[in-house]
C-alpha atoms as a PDB file:
ATOM      1  CA  MET A   1    -103.462  15.395  36.306  1.00  0.00           C
ATOM      2  CA  GLY A   2    -105.154  12.759  33.941  1.00  0.00           C
ATOM      3  CA  VAL A   3    -103.155  10.584  31.178  1.00  0.00           C
ATOM      4  CA  GLU A   4    -101.941  13.116  28.705  1.00  0.00           C
ATOM      5  CA  GLU A   5     -99.998  14.683  31.280  1.00  0.00           C
ATOM      6  CA  HIS A   6     -97.620  11.948  32.109  1.00  0.00           C
ATOM      7  CA  THR A   7     -97.361  11.133  28.117  1.00  0.00           C
ATOM      8  CA  LYS A   8     -96.667  14.045  27.100  1.00  0.00           C
ATOM      9  CA  LYS A   9     -92.489  14.839  26.051  1.00  0.00           C
ATOM     10  CA  PRO A  10     -90.953  17.288  28.270  1.00  0.00           C
ATOM     11  CA  THR A  11     -91.103  20.845  26.951  1.00  0.00           C
ATOM     12  CA  LEU A  12     -87.227  22.134  26.986  1.00  0.00           C
ATOM     13  CA  VAL A  13     -86.593  25.936  27.535  1.00  0.00           C
ATOM     14  CA  ALA A  14     -83.769  28.079  26.804  1.00  0.00           C
ATOM     15  CA  ILE A  15     -83.165  30.737  29.080  1.00  0.00           C
ATOM     16  CA  ILE A  16     -80.770  33.860  28.550  1.00  0.00           C
ATOM     17  CA  ARG A  17     -79.528  36.362  30.895  1.00  0.00           C
ATOM     18  CA  VAL A  18     -80.100  39.516  29.682  1.00  0.00           C
ATOM     19  CA  ARG A  19     -79.112  41.841  32.373  1.00  0.00           C
ATOM     20  CA  GLY A  20     -75.766  42.481  33.522  1.00  0.00           C
ATOM     21  CA  GLN A  21     -73.705  41.518  37.212  1.00  0.00           C
ATOM     22  CA  VAL A  22     -73.776  44.571  38.785  1.00  0.00           C
ATOM     23  CA  GLY A  23     -76.574  45.241  41.779  1.00  0.00           C
ATOM     24  CA  VAL A  24     -78.002  41.732  41.463  1.00  0.00           C
ATOM     25  CA  PRO A  25     -79.727  40.833  44.694  1.00  0.00           C
ATOM     26  CA  TYR A  26     -77.810  37.670  46.475  1.00  0.00           C
ATOM     27  CA  ASP A  27     -80.962  35.302  46.099  1.00  0.00           C
ATOM     28  CA  VAL A  28     -81.279  36.415  42.319  1.00  0.00           C
ATOM     29  CA  GLU A  29     -77.525  35.804  41.855  1.00  0.00           C
ATOM     30  CA  HIS A  30     -77.583  32.609  43.489  1.00  0.00           C
ATOM     31  CA  SER A  31     -80.202  31.129  41.354  1.00  0.00           C
ATOM     32  CA  LEU A  32     -78.636  32.299  38.060  1.00  0.00           C
ATOM     33  CA  LYS A  33     -75.303  30.754  39.249  1.00  0.00           C
ATOM     34  CA  LEU A  34     -77.790  27.574  39.916  1.00  0.00           C
ATOM     35  CA  LEU A  35     -78.483  27.916  36.023  1.00  0.00           C
ATOM     36  CA  ARG A  36     -74.905  28.471  35.069  1.00  0.00           C
ATOM     37  CA  LEU A  37     -75.942  32.189  33.829  1.00  0.00           C
ATOM     38  CA  SER A  38     -72.518  33.826  35.166  1.00  0.00           C
ATOM     39  CA  LYS A  39     -72.556  36.639  32.567  1.00  0.00           C
ATOM     40  CA  LYS A  40     -75.098  38.560  30.241  1.00  0.00           C
ATOM     41  CA  TYR A  41     -76.047  36.984  26.793  1.00  0.00           C
ATOM     42  CA  HIS A  42     -75.035  33.100  28.224  1.00  0.00           C
ATOM     43  CA  CYS A  43     -77.714  30.266  27.587  1.00  0.00           C
ATOM     44  CA  VAL A  44     -79.245  27.179  28.913  1.00  0.00           C
ATOM     45  CA  VAL A  45     -81.948  24.483  27.864  1.00  0.00           C
ATOM     46  CA  TYR A  46     -83.489  22.580  30.666  1.00  0.00           C
ATOM     47  CA  PRO A  47     -86.335  20.312  30.475  1.00  0.00           C
ATOM     48  CA  ILE A  48     -89.180  22.402  32.180  1.00  0.00           C
ATOM     49  CA  THR A  49     -89.824  21.212  35.426  1.00  0.00           C
ATOM     50  CA  LYS A  50     -92.086  22.633  38.778  1.00  0.00           C
ATOM     51  CA  SER A  51     -88.871  23.734  40.364  1.00  0.00           C
ATOM     52  CA  LEU A  52     -87.562  25.444  37.747  1.00  0.00           C
ATOM     53  CA  GLN A  53     -90.461  26.726  37.387  1.00  0.00           C
ATOM     54  CA  GLY A  54     -90.111  28.666  40.777  1.00  0.00           C
ATOM     55  CA  ILE A  55     -86.551  29.678  40.114  1.00  0.00           C
ATOM     56  CA  LEU A  56     -87.564  31.540  36.720  1.00  0.00           C
ATOM     57  CA  ASN A  57     -89.919  33.082  39.156  1.00  0.00           C
ATOM     58  CA  ARG A  58     -87.339  34.440  40.949  1.00  0.00           C
ATOM     59  CA  ILE A  59     -85.176  35.903  38.295  1.00  0.00           C
ATOM     60  CA  LYS A  60     -87.996  36.737  35.971  1.00  0.00           C
ATOM     61  CA  ASP A  61     -86.281  40.412  35.738  1.00  0.00           C
ATOM     62  CA  TRP A  62     -82.606  39.271  34.851  1.00  0.00           C
ATOM     63  CA  VAL A  63     -83.549  36.795  32.678  1.00  0.00           C
ATOM     64  CA  THR A  64     -85.817  35.982  29.295  1.00  0.00           C
ATOM     65  CA  TRP A  65     -87.042  32.453  28.805  1.00  0.00           C
ATOM     66  CA  GLY A  66     -89.437  30.591  26.151  1.00  0.00           C
ATOM     67  CA  GLU A  67     -90.157  27.180  24.697  1.00  0.00           C
ATOM     68  CA  ILE A  68     -87.406  26.014  22.000  1.00  0.00           C
ATOM     69  CA  ASP A  69     -87.776  24.149  19.019  1.00  0.00           C
ATOM     70  CA  LEU A  70     -85.696  21.719  17.340  1.00  0.00           C
ATOM     71  CA  ASP A  71     -84.218  23.756  14.490  1.00  0.00           C
ATOM     72  CA  THR A  72     -83.195  26.493  16.993  1.00  0.00           C
ATOM     73  CA  LEU A  73     -81.702  23.932  19.444  1.00  0.00           C
ATOM     74  CA  THR A  74     -79.863  22.203  16.404  1.00  0.00           C
ATOM     75  CA  THR A  75     -78.373  25.348  15.254  1.00  0.00           C
ATOM     76  CA  LEU A  76     -77.268  26.635  18.852  1.00  0.00           C
ATOM     77  CA  LEU A  77     -75.284  23.255  19.263  1.00  0.00           C
ATOM     78  CA  ARG A  78     -73.980  23.403  15.740  1.00  0.00           C
ATOM     79  CA  LYS A  79     -73.270  27.220  15.754  1.00  0.00           C
ATOM     80  CA  ARG A  80     -72.253  27.702  19.602  1.00  0.00           C
ATOM     81  CA  GLY A  81     -72.104  24.106  21.509  1.00  0.00           C
ATOM     82  CA  ARG A  82     -68.776  23.504  22.967  1.00  0.00           C
ATOM     83  CA  ILE A  83     -66.656  21.095  24.880  1.00  0.00           C
ATOM     84  CA  LYS A  84     -64.511  20.747  27.404  1.00  0.00           C
ATOM     85  CA  GLY A  85     -61.371  23.182  26.136  1.00  0.00           C
ATOM     86  CA  GLY A  86     -63.390  25.685  24.396  1.00  0.00           C
ATOM     87  CA  GLU A  87     -63.376  23.531  21.327  1.00  0.00           C
ATOM     88  CA  PRO A  88     -66.465  23.397  19.081  1.00  0.00           C
ATOM     89  CA  LEU A  89     -69.156  20.379  19.055  1.00  0.00           C
ATOM     90  CA  THR A  90     -68.095  18.377  16.591  1.00  0.00           C
ATOM     91  CA  ASP A  91     -69.973  15.208  14.578  1.00  0.00           C
ATOM     92  CA  GLU A  92     -66.790  13.205  15.587  1.00  0.00           C
ATOM     93  CA  PHE A  93     -67.045  13.917  19.270  1.00  0.00           C
ATOM     94  CA  ILE A  94     -71.053  13.184  19.268  1.00  0.00           C
ATOM     95  CA  LYS A  95     -70.107   9.784  17.298  1.00  0.00           C
ATOM     96  CA  ARG A  96     -67.161   9.325  19.828  1.00  0.00           C
ATOM     97  CA  SER A  97     -68.816   9.913  22.837  1.00  0.00           C
ATOM     98  CA  PHE A  98     -72.282   9.240  22.476  1.00  0.00           C
ATOM     99  CA  ASN A  99     -72.640   6.328  19.656  1.00  0.00           C
ATOM    100  CA  ILE A 100     -75.074   8.983  18.010  1.00  0.00           C
ATOM    101  CA  GLU A 101     -74.240  10.124  13.936  1.00  0.00           C
ATOM    102  CA  ASN A 102     -74.513  13.648  14.049  1.00  0.00           C
ATOM    103  CA  ILE A 103     -75.311  16.833  15.712  1.00  0.00           C
ATOM    104  CA  GLU A 104     -79.240  16.699  14.397  1.00  0.00           C
ATOM    105  CA  GLU A 105     -79.542  13.409  15.981  1.00  0.00           C
ATOM    106  CA  PHE A 106     -78.136  14.681  18.898  1.00  0.00           C
ATOM    107  CA  ALA A 107     -80.399  17.421  19.387  1.00  0.00           C
ATOM    108  CA  LYS A 108     -83.201  15.450  18.408  1.00  0.00           C
ATOM    109  CA  ALA A 109     -82.297  13.215  21.385  1.00  0.00           C
ATOM    110  CA  VAL A 110     -81.764  16.125  23.890  1.00  0.00           C
ATOM    111  CA  TYR A 111     -85.249  17.649  22.755  1.00  0.00           C
ATOM    112  CA  GLU A 112     -87.338  14.287  22.967  1.00  0.00           C
ATOM    113  CA  GLY A 113     -85.642  13.913  26.674  1.00  0.00           C
ATOM    114  CA  GLN A 114     -83.540  10.904  25.814  1.00  0.00           C
ATOM    115  CA  LEU A 115     -80.389  13.116  27.148  1.00  0.00           C
ATOM    116  CA  LYS A 116     -80.399  16.151  29.247  1.00  0.00           C
ATOM    117  CA  LEU A 117     -77.982  18.793  28.124  1.00  0.00           C
ATOM    118  CA  HIS A 118     -77.097  19.906  31.685  1.00  0.00           C
ATOM    119  CA  LYS A 119     -76.373  16.469  32.674  1.00  0.00           C
ATOM    120  CA  LEU A 120     -73.606  16.067  30.163  1.00  0.00           C
ATOM    121  CA  THR A 121     -70.429  18.143  31.787  1.00  0.00           C
ATOM    122  CA  GLU A 122     -68.952  14.741  32.694  1.00  0.00           C
ATOM    123  CA  PHE A 123     -68.392  13.775  28.897  1.00  0.00           C
ATOM    124  CA  GLY A 124     -67.116  16.798  27.903  1.00  0.00           C
ATOM    125  CA  VAL A 125     -69.710  18.514  26.679  1.00  0.00           C
ATOM    126  CA  LYS A 126     -70.752  22.549  27.794  1.00  0.00           C
ATOM    127  CA  PRO A 127     -74.124  23.329  28.802  1.00  0.00           C
ATOM    128  CA  VAL A 128     -73.808  26.949  28.402  1.00  0.00           C
ATOM    129  CA  PHE A 129     -73.778  28.520  24.730  1.00  0.00           C
ATOM    130  CA  ARG A 130     -72.403  32.097  25.014  1.00  0.00           C
ATOM    131  CA  LEU A 131     -74.407  34.259  22.669  1.00  0.00           C
ATOM    132  CA  HIS A 132     -73.991  37.894  20.843  1.00  0.00           C
ATOM    133  CA  PRO A 133     -76.094  40.521  21.743  1.00  0.00           C
ATOM    134  CA  PRO A 134     -78.960  40.192  19.109  1.00  0.00           C
ATOM    135  CA  LYS A 135     -78.320  41.954  15.756  1.00  0.00           C
ATOM    136  CA  GLY A 136     -80.409  44.900  15.757  1.00  0.00           C
ATOM    137  CA  GLY A 137     -80.400  45.178  19.248  1.00  0.00           C
ATOM    138  CA  PHE A 138     -83.409  44.637  21.601  1.00  0.00           C
ATOM    139  CA  LYS A 139     -86.659  45.530  20.467  1.00  0.00           C
ATOM    140  CA  GLY A 140     -87.712  47.032  23.662  1.00  0.00           C
ATOM    141  CA  SER A 141     -86.325  47.785  27.463  1.00  0.00           C
ATOM    142  CA  ILE A 142     -84.405  45.153  29.220  1.00  0.00           C
ATOM    143  CA  LYS A 143     -85.991  46.250  32.215  1.00  0.00           C
ATOM    144  CA  LYS A 144     -89.549  45.616  31.493  1.00  0.00           C
ATOM    145  CA  PRO A 145     -91.650  42.518  31.127  1.00  0.00           C
ATOM    146  CA  TYR A 146     -92.009  40.889  27.327  1.00  0.00           C
ATOM    147  CA  LYS A 147     -95.806  41.357  27.712  1.00  0.00           C
ATOM    148  CA  ASP A 148     -95.470  45.181  28.292  1.00  0.00           C
ATOM    149  CA  GLY A 149     -93.256  45.794  25.184  1.00  0.00           C
ATOM    150  CA  GLY A 150     -90.231  45.075  27.136  1.00  0.00           C
ATOM    151  CA  GLU A 151     -87.854  42.267  27.044  1.00  0.00           C
ATOM    152  CA  VAL A 152     -87.153  39.938  30.226  1.00  0.00           C
ATOM    153  CA  GLY A 153     -89.596  37.051  31.449  1.00  0.00           C
ATOM    154  CA  TYR A 154     -91.622  34.879  29.562  1.00  0.00           C
ATOM    155  CA  ARG A 155     -91.791  35.112  26.065  1.00  0.00           C
ATOM    156  CA  GLY A 156     -92.821  31.610  24.643  1.00  0.00           C
ATOM    157  CA  SER A 157     -92.045  30.060  21.442  1.00  0.00           C
ATOM    158  CA  LYS A 158     -90.432  34.045  20.505  1.00  0.00           C
ATOM    159  CA  ILE A 159     -87.422  33.042  22.164  1.00  0.00           C
ATOM    160  CA  ASN A 160     -86.734  31.307  18.920  1.00  0.00           C
ATOM    161  CA  GLU A 161     -86.765  34.528  16.739  1.00  0.00           C
ATOM    162  CA  LEU A 162     -84.567  35.980  19.510  1.00  0.00           C
ATOM    163  CA  LEU A 163     -82.052  33.303  19.687  1.00  0.00           C
ATOM    164  CA  LYS A 164     -81.807  33.106  15.760  1.00  0.00           C
ATOM    165  CA  ARG A 165     -80.709  36.827  15.895  1.00  0.00           C
ATOM    166  CA  MET A 166     -78.342  36.050  18.740  1.00  0.00           C
ATOM    167  CA  ILE A 167     -76.615  32.881  17.128  1.00  0.00           C
END
């Protein structure tokens, strides 16, 4: 518990649900609903905390997650970001609602922890990104962990490659 632990910026993780809705145990389904991951290929972005790590440990067989980079976050917001009513997230909306010039600056504020994406529903920003299935399909089984050649569980910075194939 050194000083560097308190001064480092929060790490954002992208969480993608890769398995469907049938046969999900109650506690897992409840945790997925808390994270707003109600359907397959839904994605959310959260700052990593100890409690989130506990939830991810519980749902590790239904989702994949990893640290998202700024470039991928910007692309995700620009192409898949939505506001209330299903309209796309635009530079005009960002400027009007947050006094931030464009989506790139908005993404930087979210990435640096100044804004929390999951807390912006009161401004009309939807926290869930509805993605396509990955181009070329999954490389492994969605029933095996990523470290064993599957697709579920923690994948670190490799989440950015998957997200780019799904956007």
